[in-house]
Amino acid sequence: MLTIVIDMMGADKGVEPLKEGVKNFLNDASFNDAKLVLVGNEKDLEEFKGNQRVELVPSKDILPMEAGALESMRMKTSSMNIAVDCMVQNHYDAVVSAGSTGGFISLATIKMKMIEGIERAALVSPFPTRIGKQVTVLDIGANNENSAYQIFQFAQMGAIYSRLVMGVEHPSIYLLSNGVEEKKGSPEGKEAYQLIKQSGLEGFKGNIEGRDALRGEADVIVTGGYAGNIFLKTSEGMAVIMSELIKEAFYRNLSSKIGYVFARKGFKEMKKKMDYKSFGGAMLLGINGVAVKAHGSSDAYSFYCALKVAYRMSKEKIVEKIKIAVSSMKQGE
């Protein structure tokens, strides 16, 4: 039986949406072979007592959203710290949290440690595309600086994630750049291009520009954490702006409101394609364990999806397969 540890504190909307997400997961017959360890306030979690697939671990402290690495480690009584410790010490399969992103990355990286041979962990997340499928992007913010070799390793981990978790048999892999030509990009990006090309990584197609990243051609887009986080925040911002502009256009007058009635079905389909909630959050690749950072503003559905991703990554033994890939790299050097 798989065991997933869940930090039930620190989410923007409190514990209630997380509890509903947990209930949805427990009620889904697809996950009957999974046990959940819930870390949080005992009073809040009282309704789960007696459930044979649930273990409760008490905690009263919440790690602040702005917590850095040092504060995260020092605050040993925080629910997040206890959750990560619980996973590591008991050799459980995954840990999930909707709390502080910086704190979660710090605790997971320090306590689970890096996979031997991997230089930096990467945050990975699916993004919606024009044609409805999802594209995997990494790193989206675990690092501020990355070397060419680290970006090369992100490409390998992204390909594995795309195959095992996203179900893409032969993923198309691109480097995020300021031009499609081979000689375009930052110094580390151009060097990473050559490393990936020379490695013979299956599915590598070259560079892709930001304006084409979400058209649906790519299955994996690779970049350093600084550029990746800017890409993430810009994409989120543009989605919000476009939604606001569309609403303004349709609410301008009576004629435009009538027009919306006829176009409503199309806009509902568009909203469904662009809904980030089904992605579950971001996953930290490159460490010795499955760590899923759920959205801070998770509702019941998005938190349920985060648990699904943690289950799938554990079931597919993605950590072990990244280790095999790293070992193969070493042997080929």
Protein backbone atom coordinates (compact mmCIF):
# COMPACT_ATOMS: atom_id res chain seq x y z
CA MET A 1 0.00 0.00 0.00
CA LEU A 2 1.23 3.49 -0.90
CA THR A 3 1.42 6.10 1.87
CA ILE A 4 1.05 9.82 1.18
CA VAL A 5 1.78 12.36 3.93
CA ILE A 6 -0.31 15.55 3.75
CA ASP A 7 0.39 18.90 5.38
CA MET A 8 -3.15 20.04 6.27
CA MET A 9 -2.17 23.55 7.38
CA GLY A 10 -0.95 26.74 5.73
CA ALA A 11 -3.27 26.89 2.69
CA ASP A 12 -4.71 30.29 1.73
CA LYS A 13 -8.31 29.13 2.17
CA GLY A 14 -7.75 27.17 5.36
CA VAL A 15 -8.28 23.51 6.12
CA GLU A 16 -11.85 22.97 4.81
CA PRO A 17 -11.04 22.70 1.07
CA LEU A 18 -8.14 20.38 1.90
CA LYS A 19 -10.42 18.11 3.93
CA GLU A 20 -12.90 17.93 1.05
CA GLY A 21 -10.06 17.09 -1.35
CA VAL A 22 -8.92 14.30 0.99
CA LYS A 23 -12.47 12.92 1.19
CA ASN A 24 -12.77 12.92 -2.60
CA PHE A 25 -9.49 11.03 -2.86
CA LEU A 26 -10.51 8.46 -0.22
CA ASN A 27 -13.87 7.93 -1.94
CA ASP A 28 -12.27 7.33 -5.35
CA ALA A 29 -11.97 3.57 -5.86
CA SER A 30 -8.94 4.13 -8.12
CA PHE A 31 -6.86 4.89 -5.03
CA ASN A 32 -7.98 2.14 -2.64
CA ASP A 33 -4.36 1.02 -2.27
CA ALA A 34 -3.31 4.37 -0.78
CA LYS A 35 -3.08 5.34 2.88
CA LEU A 36 -3.04 8.99 3.98
CA VAL A 37 -1.15 10.52 6.91
CA LEU A 38 -2.76 13.85 7.81
CA VAL A 39 -0.62 16.35 9.72
CA GLY A 40 -2.52 19.19 11.36
CA ASN A 41 -4.74 20.42 14.17
CA GLU A 42 -6.42 17.42 15.81
CA LYS A 43 -9.74 19.23 16.28
CA ASP A 44 -9.89 20.13 12.59
CA LEU A 45 -9.24 16.53 11.57
CA GLU A 46 -11.45 14.79 14.12
CA GLU A 47 -13.89 13.51 11.47
CA PHE A 48 -11.14 11.25 10.02
CA LYS A 49 -10.64 9.34 13.27
CA GLY A 50 -11.50 5.67 12.88
CA ASN A 51 -10.86 5.62 9.12
CA GLN A 52 -8.59 2.63 8.55
CA ARG A 53 -6.82 4.35 5.65
CA VAL A 54 -6.04 7.52 7.60
CA GLU A 55 -3.45 8.23 10.29
CA LEU A 56 -3.50 11.53 12.17
CA VAL A 57 -0.33 13.31 13.31
CA PRO A 58 -0.88 16.38 15.55
CA SER A 59 0.56 19.82 14.84
CA LYS A 60 -0.51 23.33 15.81
CA ASP A 61 2.01 25.58 14.07
CA ILE A 62 1.85 26.92 10.52
CA LEU A 63 5.02 27.79 8.61
CA PRO A 64 4.69 31.43 7.42
CA MET A 65 4.37 31.91 3.67
CA GLU A 66 7.45 34.15 3.60
CA ALA A 67 9.63 31.67 5.53
CA GLY A 68 13.14 31.16 4.18
CA ALA A 69 15.30 28.03 4.38
CA LEU A 70 16.70 28.83 7.84
CA GLU A 71 13.33 29.62 9.44
CA SER A 72 11.78 26.54 7.79
CA MET A 73 14.40 24.28 9.38
CA ARG A 74 14.26 25.99 12.78
CA MET A 75 10.47 25.81 13.06
CA LYS A 76 10.45 22.09 13.84
CA THR A 77 6.89 22.08 15.19
CA SER A 78 5.34 23.42 11.98
CA SER A 79 2.96 21.05 10.19
CA MET A 80 5.11 21.22 7.05
CA ASN A 81 8.30 20.32 8.89
CA ILE A 82 6.57 17.45 10.68
CA ALA A 83 5.05 16.19 7.39
CA VAL A 84 8.41 16.09 5.59
CA ASP A 85 10.08 14.45 8.62
CA CYS A 86 7.29 11.90 8.78
CA MET A 87 7.81 10.95 5.14
CA VAL A 88 11.61 10.71 5.39
CA GLN A 89 11.79 8.86 8.71
CA ASN A 90 9.12 6.32 7.80
CA HIS A 91 10.18 5.93 4.14
CA TYR A 92 6.70 6.85 2.94
CA ASP A 93 5.97 7.39 -0.74
CA ALA A 94 5.04 11.07 -1.11
CA VAL A 95 4.39 14.34 0.69
CA VAL A 96 1.91 17.05 -0.34
CA SER A 97 1.54 20.62 0.97
CA ALA A 98 -0.39 23.75 -0.01
CA GLY A 99 1.73 25.91 2.31
CA SER A 100 4.79 28.08 1.73
CA THR A 101 6.47 27.25 -1.60
CA GLY A 102 9.90 28.46 -0.49
CA GLY A 103 9.65 26.58 2.79
CA PHE A 104 8.49 23.39 1.08
CA ILE A 105 11.32 23.48 -1.48
CA SER A 106 13.88 24.10 1.27
CA LEU A 107 12.62 21.35 3.58
CA ALA A 108 12.14 18.77 0.82
CA THR A 109 15.56 19.44 -0.72
CA ILE A 110 17.48 19.48 2.58
CA LYS A 111 15.73 16.54 4.24
CA MET A 112 15.14 14.24 1.28
CA LYS A 113 18.47 15.18 -0.30
CA MET A 114 19.29 15.32 -3.99
CA ILE A 115 19.42 12.24 -6.19
CA GLU A 116 23.10 11.37 -6.60
CA GLY A 117 24.33 12.97 -9.80
CA ILE A 118 21.55 15.60 -10.00
CA GLU A 119 22.94 19.07 -9.32
CA ARG A 120 19.69 20.99 -8.74
CA ALA A 121 16.05 20.14 -8.15
CA ALA A 122 13.47 21.63 -10.50
CA LEU A 123 9.86 22.66 -10.01
CA VAL A 124 7.73 21.25 -12.82
CA SER A 125 4.15 22.03 -13.73
CA PRO A 126 1.80 21.34 -16.63
CA PHE A 127 0.47 24.37 -18.56
CA PRO A 128 -2.68 24.53 -20.72
CA THR A 129 -2.18 24.91 -24.48
CA ARG A 130 -4.14 26.18 -27.46
CA ILE A 131 -5.16 22.67 -28.54
CA GLY A 132 -6.25 21.45 -25.10
CA LYS A 133 -3.32 19.19 -24.22
CA GLN A 134 -0.91 20.10 -21.44
CA VAL A 135 2.76 21.01 -21.81
CA THR A 136 5.27 20.30 -19.03
CA VAL A 137 7.50 23.28 -18.11
CA LEU A 138 10.55 23.18 -15.83
CA ASP A 139 12.16 24.79 -13.88
CA ILE A 140 9.46 27.28 -12.91
CA GLY A 141 11.15 28.73 -9.85
CA ALA A 142 13.12 26.36 -7.65
CA ASN A 143 16.33 28.17 -8.68
CA ASN A 144 17.42 31.70 -9.51
CA GLU A 145 20.56 30.63 -11.37
CA ASN A 146 21.28 27.50 -13.38
CA SER A 147 24.25 26.18 -15.33
CA ALA A 148 23.99 24.64 -18.80
CA TYR A 149 24.47 21.18 -17.34
CA GLN A 150 21.64 21.69 -14.84
CA ILE A 151 19.31 22.75 -17.66
CA PHE A 152 20.41 19.64 -19.56
CA GLN A 153 19.42 17.54 -16.54
CA PHE A 154 16.06 19.33 -16.40
CA ALA A 155 15.47 18.19 -19.99
CA GLN A 156 16.08 14.56 -19.01
CA MET A 157 13.85 14.75 -15.94
CA GLY A 158 11.14 16.57 -17.88
CA ALA A 159 11.11 13.86 -20.54
CA ILE A 160 10.71 11.16 -17.88
CA TYR A 161 7.91 13.10 -16.15
CA SER A 162 6.09 13.66 -19.45
CA ARG A 163 6.17 9.95 -20.29
CA LEU A 164 5.28 8.53 -16.87
CA VAL A 165 2.92 11.13 -15.41
CA MET A 166 1.48 12.92 -18.45
CA GLY A 167 1.28 9.74 -20.53
CA VAL A 168 3.10 11.11 -23.60
CA GLU A 169 4.82 8.15 -25.24
CA HIS A 170 7.32 10.18 -27.30
CA PRO A 171 7.46 13.73 -25.88
CA SER A 172 8.67 16.64 -28.02
CA ILE A 173 11.23 18.61 -26.02
CA TYR A 174 12.15 22.27 -26.56
CA LEU A 175 14.37 24.86 -24.92
CA LEU A 176 12.71 28.19 -24.08
CA SER A 177 14.64 30.87 -25.95
CA ASN A 178 14.46 34.27 -27.63
CA GLY A 179 14.62 32.69 -31.09
CA VAL A 180 14.28 29.32 -32.78
CA GLU A 181 17.77 29.35 -34.31
CA GLU A 182 20.38 27.07 -32.73
CA LYS A 183 22.66 29.99 -31.84
CA LYS A 184 19.94 31.99 -30.08
CA GLY A 185 19.57 32.17 -26.29
CA SER A 186 21.46 33.08 -23.15
CA PRO A 187 25.06 31.80 -22.75
CA GLU A 188 23.92 28.90 -20.55
CA GLY A 189 20.95 28.24 -22.84
CA LYS A 190 23.15 27.96 -25.94
CA GLU A 191 25.52 25.63 -24.11
CA ALA A 192 22.60 23.54 -22.83
CA TYR A 193 21.35 23.25 -26.42
CA GLN A 194 24.62 21.62 -27.44
CA LEU A 195 24.67 19.30 -24.43
CA ILE A 196 21.14 18.09 -25.15
CA LYS A 197 21.82 17.75 -28.86
CA GLN A 198 25.04 15.79 -28.30
CA SER A 199 23.38 13.51 -25.75
CA GLY A 200 20.94 12.29 -28.39
CA LEU A 201 17.97 12.88 -26.08
CA GLU A 202 14.96 11.41 -27.88
CA GLY A 203 12.41 14.01 -28.96
CA PHE A 204 14.65 17.11 -28.71
CA LYS A 205 13.39 19.60 -31.30
CA GLY A 206 15.51 22.69 -30.53
CA ASN A 207 14.43 26.15 -29.36
CA ILE A 208 10.96 27.59 -28.94
CA GLU A 209 9.95 31.20 -28.33
CA GLY A 210 7.67 32.26 -25.49
CA ARG A 211 4.90 33.32 -27.88
CA ASP A 212 4.68 29.78 -29.29
CA ALA A 213 5.18 27.87 -26.04
CA LEU A 214 1.48 27.32 -25.36
CA ARG A 215 0.34 26.57 -28.92
CA GLY A 216 0.52 22.81 -28.31
CA GLU A 217 3.52 21.79 -30.39
CA ALA A 218 5.74 21.08 -27.37
CA ASP A 219 5.26 18.41 -24.71
CA VAL A 220 8.19 19.57 -22.55
CA ILE A 221 9.71 23.06 -22.35
CA VAL A 222 13.00 23.41 -20.52
CA THR A 223 14.49 26.56 -19.00
CA GLY A 224 16.44 27.86 -16.02
CA GLY A 225 14.43 28.69 -12.91
CA TYR A 226 14.68 32.48 -13.23
CA ALA A 227 13.30 32.63 -16.78
CA GLY A 228 10.85 29.82 -15.99
CA ASN A 229 9.33 31.71 -13.07
CA ILE A 230 8.94 34.84 -15.19
CA PHE A 231 7.24 32.72 -17.87
CA LEU A 232 4.90 31.27 -15.21
CA LYS A 233 3.94 34.63 -13.70
CA THR A 234 3.55 36.29 -17.12
CA SER A 235 1.30 33.48 -18.36
CA GLU A 236 -0.85 33.68 -15.23
CA GLY A 237 -1.07 37.46 -15.52
CA MET A 238 -2.05 37.37 -19.19
CA ALA A 239 -4.74 34.78 -18.49
CA VAL A 240 -6.28 37.03 -15.83
CA ILE A 241 -6.09 40.11 -18.07
CA MET A 242 -7.68 38.31 -21.03
CA SER A 243 -10.50 37.04 -18.81
CA GLU A 244 -11.15 40.57 -17.54
CA LEU A 245 -11.10 42.06 -21.05
CA ILE A 246 -13.54 39.45 -22.35
CA LYS A 247 -15.94 40.14 -19.47
CA GLU A 248 -15.72 43.89 -20.10
CA ALA A 249 -16.41 43.38 -23.81
CA PHE A 250 -19.53 41.30 -23.23
CA TYR A 251 -20.95 43.50 -20.47
CA ARG A 252 -20.53 46.73 -22.43
CA ASN A 253 -24.13 47.01 -23.61
CA LEU A 254 -27.31 45.03 -24.29
CA SER A 255 -26.17 43.85 -27.73
CA SER A 256 -22.88 42.51 -26.41
CA LYS A 257 -24.73 40.72 -23.56
CA ILE A 258 -27.00 39.05 -26.11
CA GLY A 259 -23.88 38.08 -28.08
CA TYR A 260 -22.50 36.37 -24.99
CA VAL A 261 -25.59 34.16 -24.78
CA PHE A 262 -24.75 32.71 -28.21
CA ALA A 263 -21.01 32.46 -27.49
CA ARG A 264 -21.36 31.09 -23.95
CA LYS A 265 -20.70 27.44 -24.85
CA GLY A 266 -17.44 28.30 -26.58
CA PHE A 267 -16.23 30.36 -23.63
CA LYS A 268 -17.06 27.57 -21.20
CA GLU A 269 -14.94 25.19 -23.26
CA MET A 270 -12.11 27.71 -23.32
CA LYS A 271 -12.33 28.15 -19.54
CA LYS A 272 -12.16 24.39 -19.08
CA LYS A 273 -9.01 24.17 -21.25
CA MET A 274 -7.33 26.94 -19.28
CA ASP A 275 -8.36 25.70 -15.81
CA TYR A 276 -5.19 25.31 -13.74
CA LYS A 277 -7.02 23.44 -10.97
CA SER A 278 -6.80 20.08 -12.74
CA PHE A 279 -2.98 20.32 -12.79
CA GLY A 280 -2.72 19.84 -9.02
CA GLY A 281 0.19 22.22 -8.51
CA ALA A 282 3.94 21.88 -9.01
CA MET A 283 6.18 18.87 -8.48
CA LEU A 284 9.78 18.97 -7.24
CA LEU A 285 11.97 16.70 -9.37
CA GLY A 286 15.55 15.67 -8.61
CA ILE A 287 15.18 14.78 -4.93
CA ASN A 288 14.95 11.37 -3.25
CA GLY A 289 11.21 11.37 -2.89
CA VAL A 290 7.91 12.54 -4.36
CA ALA A 291 7.10 16.09 -3.23
CA VAL A 292 4.02 17.86 -4.60
CA LYS A 293 3.41 21.55 -3.91
CA ALA A 294 -0.34 22.07 -4.23
CA HIS A 295 -1.70 25.51 -5.09
CA GLY A 296 -1.80 27.80 -2.07
CA SER A 297 -5.33 28.78 -3.08
CA SER A 298 -6.41 25.16 -3.58
CA ASP A 299 -10.09 24.33 -3.54
CA ALA A 300 -11.33 20.77 -2.96
CA TYR A 301 -10.95 19.77 -6.61
CA SER A 302 -7.43 21.13 -7.14
CA PHE A 303 -6.21 19.55 -3.88
CA TYR A 304 -7.74 16.22 -4.91
CA CYS A 305 -5.81 16.58 -8.20
CA ALA A 306 -2.58 17.25 -6.26
CA LEU A 307 -3.11 13.99 -4.35
CA LYS A 308 -3.74 12.19 -7.64
CA VAL A 309 -0.43 13.46 -9.03
CA ALA A 310 1.43 12.35 -5.88
CA TYR A 311 -0.16 8.92 -6.19
CA ARG A 312 0.68 8.62 -9.88
CA MET A 313 4.31 9.70 -9.41
CA SER A 314 4.72 7.19 -6.58
CA LYS A 315 3.02 4.39 -8.49
CA GLU A 316 5.19 4.99 -11.55
CA LYS A 317 8.33 5.04 -9.37
CA ILE A 318 9.48 8.25 -11.03
CA VAL A 319 12.32 8.82 -8.54
CA GLU A 320 13.85 5.43 -9.30
CA LYS A 321 13.54 6.04 -13.05
CA ILE A 322 15.28 9.41 -12.78
CA LYS A 323 18.08 7.64 -10.89
CA ILE A 324 18.39 5.11 -13.74
CA ALA A 325 18.53 7.96 -16.29
CA VAL A 326 21.26 9.75 -14.30
CA SER A 327 23.23 6.50 -14.02
CA SER A 328 22.95 6.00 -17.79
CA MET A 329 24.27 9.52 -18.34
CA LYS A 330 27.31 8.77 -16.23
CA GLN A 331 28.02 5.56 -18.09
CA GLY A 332 27.80 7.39 -21.41
CA GLU A 333 30.29 10.06 -20.38
